[in-house]
C-alpha atoms as a PDB file:
ATOM      1  CA  MET A   1     114.334 102.792 148.152  1.00  0.00           C
ATOM      2  CA  LYS A   2     114.880 104.974 145.246  1.00  0.00           C
ATOM      3  CA  ILE A   3     116.891 103.847 142.326  1.00  0.00           C
ATOM      4  CA  LEU A   4     117.609 105.849 139.475  1.00  0.00           C
ATOM      5  CA  MET A   5     118.648 104.045 136.247  1.00  0.00           C
ATOM      6  CA  THR A   6     119.800 104.949 132.449  1.00  0.00           C
ATOM      7  CA  GLY A   7     119.577 102.295 129.902  1.00  0.00           C
ATOM      8  CA  ALA A   8     116.303 100.846 130.701  1.00  0.00           C
ATOM      9  CA  THR A   9     115.675  99.738 126.946  1.00  0.00           C
ATOM     10  CA  SER A  10     119.196  98.101 126.636  1.00  0.00           C
ATOM     11  CA  PHE A  11     119.565  94.473 126.793  1.00  0.00           C
ATOM     12  CA  VAL A  12     120.062  94.066 130.152  1.00  0.00           C
ATOM     13  CA  GLY A  13     117.721  97.226 131.458  1.00  0.00           C
ATOM     14  CA  ARG A  14     114.680  95.564 129.837  1.00  0.00           C
ATOM     15  CA  HIS A  15     115.504  92.671 131.864  1.00  0.00           C
ATOM     16  CA  LEU A  16     116.526  94.531 134.982  1.00  0.00           C
ATOM     17  CA  ILE A  17     113.789  96.797 135.340  1.00  0.00           C
ATOM     18  CA  LYS A  18     110.996  94.295 135.748  1.00  0.00           C
ATOM     19  CA  HIS A  19     112.630  92.459 138.944  1.00  0.00           C
ATOM     20  CA  LEU A  20     113.050  96.145 140.497  1.00  0.00           C
ATOM     21  CA  LEU A  21     109.680  96.929 140.001  1.00  0.00           C
ATOM     22  CA  ASP A  22     108.292  93.468 141.122  1.00  0.00           C
ATOM     23  CA  SER A  23     110.393  94.198 144.342  1.00  0.00           C
ATOM     24  CA  GLY A  24     108.664  97.279 145.264  1.00  0.00           C
ATOM     25  CA  TYR A  25     111.896  99.691 144.047  1.00  0.00           C
ATOM     26  CA  GLU A  26     110.838 103.404 143.412  1.00  0.00           C
ATOM     27  CA  VAL A  27     112.197 103.667 139.683  1.00  0.00           C
ATOM     28  CA  PHE A  28     113.782 107.015 138.407  1.00  0.00           C
ATOM     29  CA  HIS A  29     114.515 106.513 134.594  1.00  0.00           C
ATOM     30  CA  ILE A  30     116.478 109.045 132.622  1.00  0.00           C
ATOM     31  CA  VAL A  31     116.055 108.581 129.216  1.00  0.00           C
ATOM     32  CA  ARG A  32     117.485 110.760 125.594  1.00  0.00           C
ATOM     33  CA  ASP A  33     114.257 110.702 124.354  1.00  0.00           C
ATOM     34  CA  THR A  34     110.619 110.148 125.829  1.00  0.00           C
ATOM     35  CA  LYS A  35     110.024 106.292 125.975  1.00  0.00           C
ATOM     36  CA  GLY A  36     106.817 106.348 128.131  1.00  0.00           C
ATOM     37  CA  PHE A  37     107.942 104.980 131.336  1.00  0.00           C
ATOM     38  CA  ASP A  38     106.743 105.940 134.659  1.00  0.00           C
ATOM     39  CA  ASN A  39     108.776 108.609 136.418  1.00  0.00           C
ATOM     40  CA  GLU A  40     110.420 109.222 133.590  1.00  0.00           C
ATOM     41  CA  ILE A  41     112.881 112.555 132.876  1.00  0.00           C
ATOM     42  CA  VAL A  42     114.193 113.305 129.908  1.00  0.00           C
ATOM     43  CA  TRP A  43     117.973 114.086 129.253  1.00  0.00           C
ATOM     44  CA  ASP A  44     120.193 113.977 126.325  1.00  0.00           C
ATOM     45  CA  PHE A  45     123.477 114.252 128.266  1.00  0.00           C
ATOM     46  CA  ASN A  46     124.353 117.689 126.997  1.00  0.00           C
ATOM     47  CA  GLU A  47     123.612 119.799 129.609  1.00  0.00           C
ATOM     48  CA  LEU A  48     123.155 119.394 133.868  1.00  0.00           C
ATOM     49  CA  ILE A  49     121.136 117.131 135.295  1.00  0.00           C
ATOM     50  CA  PRO A  50     117.524 118.120 134.976  1.00  0.00           C
ATOM     51  CA  LYS A  51     116.747 119.872 138.755  1.00  0.00           C
ATOM     52  CA  GLU A  52     113.695 117.417 138.572  1.00  0.00           C
ATOM     53  CA  VAL A  53     115.888 114.285 139.277  1.00  0.00           C
ATOM     54  CA  PRO A  54     115.565 113.423 142.780  1.00  0.00           C
ATOM     55  CA  LEU A  55     118.336 112.298 145.414  1.00  0.00           C
ATOM     56  CA  CYS A  56     118.290 108.490 145.127  1.00  0.00           C
ATOM     57  CA  ASP A  57     119.710 105.523 147.331  1.00  0.00           C
ATOM     58  CA  VAL A  58     121.442 103.819 144.158  1.00  0.00           C
ATOM     59  CA  ILE A  59     122.343 105.155 140.594  1.00  0.00           C
ATOM     60  CA  VAL A  60     122.314 102.132 138.117  1.00  0.00           C
ATOM     61  CA  HIS A  61     123.933 103.230 134.987  1.00  0.00           C
ATOM     62  CA  LEU A  62     123.599 100.564 131.836  1.00  0.00           C
ATOM     63  CA  ALA A  63     123.152 103.849 129.112  1.00  0.00           C
ATOM     64  CA  ALA A  64     125.831 103.274 126.520  1.00  0.00           C
ATOM     65  CA  LEU A  65     126.450 103.845 123.073  1.00  0.00           C
ATOM     66  CA  VAL A  66     128.472 100.795 121.463  1.00  0.00           C
ATOM     67  CA  ASP A  67     130.317 101.950 118.434  1.00  0.00           C
ATOM     68  CA  PHE A  68     134.239  99.365 117.410  1.00  0.00           C
ATOM     69  CA  GLY A  69     134.883 101.648 115.073  1.00  0.00           C
ATOM     70  CA  LEU A  70     138.643 103.116 115.310  1.00  0.00           C
ATOM     71  CA  ASN A  71     137.128 106.614 114.367  1.00  0.00           C
ATOM     72  CA  LEU A  72     136.794 109.205 116.579  1.00  0.00           C
ATOM     73  CA  ASN A  73     132.942 109.570 117.823  1.00  0.00           C
ATOM     74  CA  LEU A  74     132.186 112.360 120.350  1.00  0.00           C
ATOM     75  CA  GLU A  75     129.023 111.038 120.349  1.00  0.00           C
ATOM     76  CA  GLN A  76     130.199 108.016 122.365  1.00  0.00           C
ATOM     77  CA  TYR A  77     132.244 110.141 125.191  1.00  0.00           C
ATOM     78  CA  LYS A  78     129.054 111.766 125.812  1.00  0.00           C
ATOM     79  CA  VAL A  79     127.234 109.380 125.952  1.00  0.00           C
ATOM     80  CA  ASN A  80     129.851 106.842 128.035  1.00  0.00           C
ATOM     81  CA  THR A  81     132.057 109.038 129.653  1.00  0.00           C
ATOM     82  CA  VAL A  82     130.534 112.618 130.325  1.00  0.00           C
ATOM     83  CA  SER A  83     126.965 110.918 131.927  1.00  0.00           C
ATOM     84  CA  THR A  84     128.794 109.159 133.816  1.00  0.00           C
ATOM     85  CA  MET A  85     130.919 111.996 135.333  1.00  0.00           C
ATOM     86  CA  ARG A  86     127.618 114.186 136.397  1.00  0.00           C
ATOM     87  CA  LEU A  87     125.929 111.029 137.503  1.00  0.00           C
ATOM     88  CA  SER A  88     128.557 110.487 139.898  1.00  0.00           C
ATOM     89  CA  ALA A  89     128.363 114.123 140.928  1.00  0.00           C
ATOM     90  CA  HIS A  90     124.780 113.169 141.513  1.00  0.00           C
ATOM     91  CA  ALA A  91     125.548 110.048 143.192  1.00  0.00           C
ATOM     92  CA  ARG A  92     127.868 112.263 145.602  1.00  0.00           C
ATOM     93  CA  ILE A  93     125.233 114.629 146.323  1.00  0.00           C
ATOM     94  CA  SER A  94     122.404 111.855 147.161  1.00  0.00           C
ATOM     95  CA  ASN A  95     125.287 109.637 149.094  1.00  0.00           C
ATOM     96  CA  ALA A  96     123.994 107.046 146.613  1.00  0.00           C
ATOM     97  CA  HIS A  97     125.748 103.284 145.648  1.00  0.00           C
ATOM     98  CA  PHE A  98     126.678 103.960 141.926  1.00  0.00           C
ATOM     99  CA  ILE A  99     126.945 100.882 139.730  1.00  0.00           C
ATOM    100  CA  LEU A 100     128.713 101.265 136.863  1.00  0.00           C
ATOM    101  CA  ALA A 101     128.140  99.125 133.465  1.00  0.00           C
ATOM    102  CA  SER A 102     131.660  98.859 132.405  1.00  0.00           C
ATOM    103  CA  MET A 103     133.587  95.591 129.995  1.00  0.00           C
ATOM    104  CA  VAL A 104     136.713  93.176 130.364  1.00  0.00           C
ATOM    105  CA  GLY A 105     137.400  95.293 126.690  1.00  0.00           C
ATOM    106  CA  VAL A 106     139.310  97.933 128.716  1.00  0.00           C
ATOM    107  CA  HIS A 107     141.669  95.366 129.068  1.00  0.00           C
ATOM    108  CA  GLY A 108     141.844  95.250 125.183  1.00  0.00           C
ATOM    109  CA  TYR A 109     141.451  91.959 123.047  1.00  0.00           C
ATOM    110  CA  LYS A 110     145.322  90.788 123.085  1.00  0.00           C
ATOM    111  CA  TYR A 111     145.025  88.576 126.138  1.00  0.00           C
ATOM    112  CA  SER A 112     143.563  84.925 125.985  1.00  0.00           C
ATOM    113  CA  GLN A 113     143.018  85.416 130.142  1.00  0.00           C
ATOM    114  CA  ILE A 114     141.992  88.298 131.707  1.00  0.00           C
ATOM    115  CA  ASP A 115     141.671  88.902 135.468  1.00  0.00           C
ATOM    116  CA  LYS A 116     141.920  91.928 137.915  1.00  0.00           C
ATOM    117  CA  ASP A 117     145.891  91.837 137.823  1.00  0.00           C
ATOM    118  CA  THR A 118     145.890  91.765 133.661  1.00  0.00           C
ATOM    119  CA  PRO A 119     147.241  95.163 132.580  1.00  0.00           C
ATOM    120  CA  LEU A 120     144.301  97.690 130.850  1.00  0.00           C
ATOM    121  CA  SER A 121     144.656  98.891 127.574  1.00  0.00           C
ATOM    122  CA  PRO A 122     141.504 100.376 125.435  1.00  0.00           C
ATOM    123  CA  GLU A 123     142.455  99.368 122.209  1.00  0.00           C
ATOM    124  CA  ASN A 124     139.339 101.319 120.411  1.00  0.00           C
ATOM    125  CA  HIS A 125     137.345 104.373 121.076  1.00  0.00           C
ATOM    126  CA  TYR A 126     134.653 102.307 123.075  1.00  0.00           C
ATOM    127  CA  ALA A 127     136.780 100.535 125.355  1.00  0.00           C
ATOM    128  CA  MET A 128     138.720 103.811 126.183  1.00  0.00           C
ATOM    129  CA  SER A 129     135.165 105.934 126.785  1.00  0.00           C
ATOM    130  CA  LYS A 130     134.492 102.970 129.189  1.00  0.00           C
ATOM    131  CA  TYR A 131     138.037 103.124 131.051  1.00  0.00           C
ATOM    132  CA  LEU A 132     137.519 107.041 131.604  1.00  0.00           C
ATOM    133  CA  ALA A 133     133.882 106.345 132.973  1.00  0.00           C
ATOM    134  CA  GLU A 134     135.606 104.093 135.385  1.00  0.00           C
ATOM    135  CA  GLU A 135     138.247 106.300 136.813  1.00  0.00           C
ATOM    136  CA  VAL A 136     135.421 108.992 136.887  1.00  0.00           C
ATOM    137  CA  VAL A 137     133.596 107.179 139.270  1.00  0.00           C
ATOM    138  CA  LYS A 138     136.230 105.870 141.217  1.00  0.00           C
ATOM    139  CA  THR A 139     137.622 109.677 141.690  1.00  0.00           C
ATOM    140  CA  PHE A 140     134.394 111.293 142.441  1.00  0.00           C
ATOM    141  CA  VAL A 141     132.165 108.642 144.189  1.00  0.00           C
ATOM    142  CA  ASP A 142     132.531 107.038 147.646  1.00  0.00           C
ATOM    143  CA  SER A 143     130.399 104.147 147.434  1.00  0.00           C
ATOM    144  CA  TYR A 144     130.583 102.161 143.805  1.00  0.00           C
ATOM    145  CA  SER A 145     130.379  98.862 142.004  1.00  0.00           C
ATOM    146  CA  ILE A 146     132.245  98.622 138.339  1.00  0.00           C
ATOM    147  CA  LEU A 147     131.173  95.636 136.814  1.00  0.00           C
ATOM    148  CA  ARG A 148     133.593  94.743 133.782  1.00  0.00           C
ATOM    149  CA  ILE A 149     131.192  92.360 132.077  1.00  0.00           C
ATOM    150  CA  CYS A 150     132.193  90.457 128.973  1.00  0.00           C
ATOM    151  CA  GLY A 151     129.863  89.264 126.556  1.00  0.00           C
ATOM    152  CA  ILE A 152     126.339  88.874 127.361  1.00  0.00           C
ATOM    153  CA  TYR A 153     124.144  86.420 125.866  1.00  0.00           C
ATOM    154  CA  GLY A 154     120.349  85.785 125.445  1.00  0.00           C
ATOM    155  CA  ILE A 155     117.178  85.665 122.742  1.00  0.00           C
ATOM    156  CA  ASP A 156     117.083  88.793 121.346  1.00  0.00           C
ATOM    157  CA  GLY A 157     120.307  90.127 122.408  1.00  0.00           C
ATOM    158  CA  PRO A 158     122.642  92.448 120.862  1.00  0.00           C
ATOM    159  CA  SER A 159     124.092  91.626 116.981  1.00  0.00           C
ATOM    160  CA  HIS A 160     127.826  92.413 117.963  1.00  0.00           C
ATOM    161  CA  LEU A 161     127.880  89.202 120.097  1.00  0.00           C
ATOM    162  CA  ASN A 162     127.352  86.691 116.834  1.00  0.00           C
ATOM    163  CA  LEU A 163     126.071  83.790 119.436  1.00  0.00           C
ATOM    164  CA  ASN A 164     123.017  86.036 120.259  1.00  0.00           C
ATOM    165  CA  LYS A 165     122.004  85.999 116.614  1.00  0.00           C
ATOM    166  CA  ALA A 166     122.341  82.204 116.650  1.00  0.00           C
ATOM    167  CA  ILE A 167     120.029  81.727 119.814  1.00  0.00           C
ATOM    168  CA  THR A 168     117.347  84.123 117.945  1.00  0.00           C
ATOM    169  CA  ASP A 169     117.216  82.570 114.988  1.00  0.00           C
ATOM    170  CA  ALA A 170     117.263  78.964 116.318  1.00  0.00           C
ATOM    171  CA  VAL A 171     114.406  80.015 118.992  1.00  0.00           C
ATOM    172  CA  ARG A 172     112.662  82.441 117.245  1.00  0.00           C
ATOM    173  CA  TYR A 173     112.741  81.152 113.306  1.00  0.00           C
ATOM    174  CA  LYS A 174     114.229  77.776 113.816  1.00  0.00           C
ATOM    175  CA  LYS A 175     117.191  78.278 111.890  1.00  0.00           C
ATOM    176  CA  PRO A 176     120.466  76.234 112.472  1.00  0.00           C
ATOM    177  CA  PRO A 177     123.397  78.808 113.409  1.00  0.00           C
ATOM    178  CA  VAL A 178     126.230  79.357 111.269  1.00  0.00           C
ATOM    179  CA  LEU A 179     130.043  78.644 112.679  1.00  0.00           C
ATOM    180  CA  TYR A 180     133.024  80.777 110.665  1.00  0.00           C
ATOM    181  CA  GLY A 181     135.677  79.058 111.148  1.00  0.00           C
ATOM    182  CA  SER A 182     136.921  76.347 112.972  1.00  0.00           C
ATOM    183  CA  GLY A 183     134.892  77.404 116.194  1.00  0.00           C
ATOM    184  CA  ASN A 184     137.691  76.185 118.598  1.00  0.00           C
ATOM    185  CA  SER A 185     138.648  79.298 120.458  1.00  0.00           C
ATOM    186  CA  ARG A 186     137.124  79.408 123.861  1.00  0.00           C
ATOM    187  CA  ARG A 187     134.979  81.629 125.970  1.00  0.00           C
ATOM    188  CA  ASN A 188     132.982  82.082 128.995  1.00  0.00           C
ATOM    189  CA  TYR A 189     129.729  84.499 127.843  1.00  0.00           C
ATOM    190  CA  ILE A 190     127.569  85.622 130.739  1.00  0.00           C
ATOM    191  CA  CYS A 191     123.674  84.724 130.486  1.00  0.00           C
ATOM    192  CA  VAL A 192     121.715  88.117 130.357  1.00  0.00           C
ATOM    193  CA  MET A 193     119.736  86.377 133.421  1.00  0.00           C
ATOM    194  CA  ASP A 194     123.035  86.169 135.589  1.00  0.00           C
ATOM    195  CA  VAL A 195     124.209  89.977 135.085  1.00  0.00           C
ATOM    196  CA  VAL A 196     120.825  90.836 136.301  1.00  0.00           C
ATOM    197  CA  ARG A 197     120.555  88.522 139.130  1.00  0.00           C
ATOM    198  CA  TRP A 198     124.306  90.077 140.132  1.00  0.00           C
ATOM    199  CA  ILE A 199     122.878  93.724 140.346  1.00  0.00           C
ATOM    200  CA  MET A 200     119.825  92.882 142.121  1.00  0.00           C
ATOM    201  CA  HIS A 201     122.172  91.120 144.665  1.00  0.00           C
ATOM    202  CA  LEU A 202     124.539  94.381 144.947  1.00  0.00           C
ATOM    203  CA  ILE A 203     120.865  96.647 145.369  1.00  0.00           C
ATOM    204  CA  LYS A 204     119.722  94.191 148.183  1.00  0.00           C
ATOM    205  CA  LYS A 205     123.022  94.646 149.605  1.00  0.00           C
ATOM    206  CA  HIS A 206     123.079  98.291 149.684  1.00  0.00           C
ATOM    207  CA  GLU A 207     119.588  97.799 150.753  1.00  0.00           C
ATOM    208  CA  GLY A 208     120.700  96.342 153.894  1.00  0.00           C
ATOM    209  CA  SER A 209     123.877  98.172 154.593  1.00  0.00           C
ATOM    210  CA  SER A 210     123.438 100.860 158.035  1.00  0.00           C
ATOM    211  CA  ILE A 211     124.474 104.515 157.185  1.00  0.00           C
ATOM    212  CA  LEU A 212     127.713 103.964 158.700  1.00  0.00           C
ATOM    213  CA  THR A 213     128.596 101.051 156.423  1.00  0.00           C
ATOM    214  CA  ALA A 214     126.974 101.898 152.887  1.00  0.00           C
ATOM    215  CA  GLY A 215     129.911 104.215 151.625  1.00  0.00           C
ATOM    216  CA  ASN A 216     132.961 101.780 152.563  1.00  0.00           C
ATOM    217  CA  THR A 217     132.037  99.545 149.325  1.00  0.00           C
ATOM    218  CA  GLN A 218     134.620 100.373 146.507  1.00  0.00           C
ATOM    219  CA  GLU A 219     134.824  97.108 144.280  1.00  0.00           C
ATOM    220  CA  THR A 220     135.206  96.402 140.647  1.00  0.00           C
ATOM    221  CA  LEU A 221     133.802  93.024 139.846  1.00  0.00           C
ATOM    222  CA  TYR A 222     134.267  90.604 136.308  1.00  0.00           C
ATOM    223  CA  LEU A 223     131.080  89.401 135.403  1.00  0.00           C
ATOM    224  CA  ALA A 224     131.311  86.025 133.401  1.00  0.00           C
ATOM    225  CA  SER A 225     130.488  82.609 133.655  1.00  0.00           C
ATOM    226  CA  PRO A 226     132.719  79.991 135.234  1.00  0.00           C
ATOM    227  CA  GLU A 227     131.714  77.549 132.341  1.00  0.00           C
ATOM    228  CA  ILE A 228     134.176  78.127 129.757  1.00  0.00           C
ATOM    229  CA  MET A 229     132.949  76.464 126.301  1.00  0.00           C
ATOM    230  CA  THR A 230     134.598  76.804 122.611  1.00  0.00           C
ATOM    231  CA  ILE A 231     132.584  78.451 119.961  1.00  0.00           C
ATOM    232  CA  GLU A 232     131.770  75.751 118.232  1.00  0.00           C
ATOM    233  CA  GLN A 233     130.674  73.703 121.499  1.00  0.00           C
ATOM    234  CA  TYR A 234     127.679  76.762 122.149  1.00  0.00           C
ATOM    235  CA  LEU A 235     126.360  76.395 118.594  1.00  0.00           C
ATOM    236  CA  GLN A 236     126.228  72.723 118.941  1.00  0.00           C
ATOM    237  CA  ALA A 237     124.661  73.043 121.982  1.00  0.00           C
ATOM    238  CA  SER A 238     121.745  75.210 120.311  1.00  0.00           C
ATOM    239  CA  ILE A 239     121.315  72.551 117.958  1.00  0.00           C
ATOM    240  CA  ASP A 240     121.129  70.006 120.728  1.00  0.00           C
ATOM    241  CA  VAL A 241     118.671  72.125 122.980  1.00  0.00           C
ATOM    242  CA  VAL A 242     116.763  73.724 120.299  1.00  0.00           C
ATOM    243  CA  LEU A 243     117.080  72.046 116.727  1.00  0.00           C
ATOM    244  CA  PRO A 244     118.342  68.416 117.669  1.00  0.00           C
ATOM    245  CA  ASP A 245     116.973  67.483 113.901  1.00  0.00           C
ATOM    246  CA  LYS A 246     119.076  70.451 112.203  1.00  0.00           C
ATOM    247  CA  LYS A 247     123.071  70.283 112.234  1.00  0.00           C
ATOM    248  CA  ILE A 248     125.381  73.526 112.530  1.00  0.00           C
ATOM    249  CA  GLU A 249     126.059  75.412 108.964  1.00  0.00           C
ATOM    250  CA  ARG A 250     130.036  75.833 108.519  1.00  0.00           C
ATOM    251  CA  LYS A 251     131.731  78.575 106.448  1.00  0.00           C
ATOM    252  CA  GLU A 252     135.115  80.027 106.381  1.00  0.00           C
ATOM    253  CA  GLY A 253     135.932  82.391 108.202  1.00  0.00           C
ATOM    254  CA  ARG A 254     138.513  84.399 110.473  1.00  0.00           C
ATOM    255  CA  GLU A 255     140.143  82.507 113.355  1.00  0.00           C
ATOM    256  CA  SER A 256     140.100  84.300 116.816  1.00  0.00           C
ATOM    257  CA  ALA A 257     142.159  83.420 120.012  1.00  0.00           C
ATOM    258  CA  ASP A 258     140.950  82.472 123.383  1.00  0.00           C
ATOM    259  CA  MET A 259     139.416  85.140 125.496  1.00  0.00           C
ATOM    260  CA  ILE A 260     138.939  84.184 129.116  1.00  0.00           C
ATOM    261  CA  VAL A 261     137.882  86.147 131.713  1.00  0.00           C
ATOM    262  CA  ARG A 262     138.420  84.941 135.632  1.00  0.00           C
ATOM    263  CA  PRO A 263     135.221  85.802 137.153  1.00  0.00           C
ATOM    264  CA  SER A 264     134.322  87.167 140.531  1.00  0.00           C
ATOM    265  CA  ASP A 265     132.985  84.890 143.151  1.00  0.00           C
ATOM    266  CA  ALA A 266     128.953  85.088 142.160  1.00  0.00           C
ATOM    267  CA  PRO A 267     126.852  85.361 145.092  1.00  0.00           C
ATOM    268  CA  PHE A 268     124.316  82.855 143.041  1.00  0.00           C
ATOM    269  CA  ARG A 269     124.475  79.901 141.380  1.00  0.00           C
ATOM    270  CA  PRO A 270     125.179  80.895 137.521  1.00  0.00           C
ATOM    271  CA  VAL A 271     122.737  79.471 134.761  1.00  0.00           C
ATOM    272  CA  THR A 272     124.379  77.176 132.466  1.00  0.00           C
ATOM    273  CA  PHE A 273     124.161  77.845 128.521  1.00  0.00           C
ATOM    274  CA  ARG A 274     122.161  74.754 128.250  1.00  0.00           C
ATOM    275  CA  GLU A 275     120.069  75.448 131.306  1.00  0.00           C
ATOM    276  CA  TYR A 276     119.368  79.208 130.155  1.00  0.00           C
ATOM    277  CA  LEU A 277     118.540  77.812 126.397  1.00  0.00           C
ATOM    278  CA  SER A 278     116.046  75.087 127.711  1.00  0.00           C
ATOM    279  CA  LEU A 279     114.202  77.739 129.853  1.00  0.00           C
ATOM    280  CA  ILE A 280     113.863  79.950 126.751  1.00  0.00           C
ATOM    281  CA  ASN A 281     112.787  76.972 124.141  1.00  0.00           C
END
């Protein structure tokens, strides 16, 4: 089965590519500049999709330009929205299943509880670019899985999620985490391993579909952990599992509100935060 993938060097992509290759899939990488992958196709999203991009069975679109600022950044729309439009056209030609990595931020940040019935209210250009990308997929693709993902944690993960810095500092540098404010706000971040497992499940499910049923999947999934913890509990778990001889460093900081996502039913048992720390420690 042929997989067309963007974002292979992203946080999720780095983990996903190994699973795809280990499963025997033929993977074609769309990259904005040369990375050295096998089956690599350079495309900067400015022009139409290169002719050498093959017809494929599944498109996994992970590439994103993350910028939470309020100023207009056209590059962000080019990467996050325009590329989705062009890849959606290719999916339609290929009769491919389209997996789009989106974000729960399309609902905005004023809701303490988020689920499929929560109004859409993107509050910055990043969220708006993802909302528009979702609408493109829904409009032009026959078979798709849109993944509204909450914060993804893991070692060496992107630093805009402070928990990733805490994990990386604890495991790699034996530095205790820093807690700003009370840390009482609650989250249910998802482990990068579980995001990869979810995408692999969707690919294998499509692989097992017949030609007659493969085009019937049109779903929006919420990827979050069923485990709800306060920020302080996340950081204390990092201490308990990785640095039992240390203590959390506490500093004054802005208090944040709860943001809990009601997850879709996972096709596996999600890993707990402490289980993940034990695996990587």
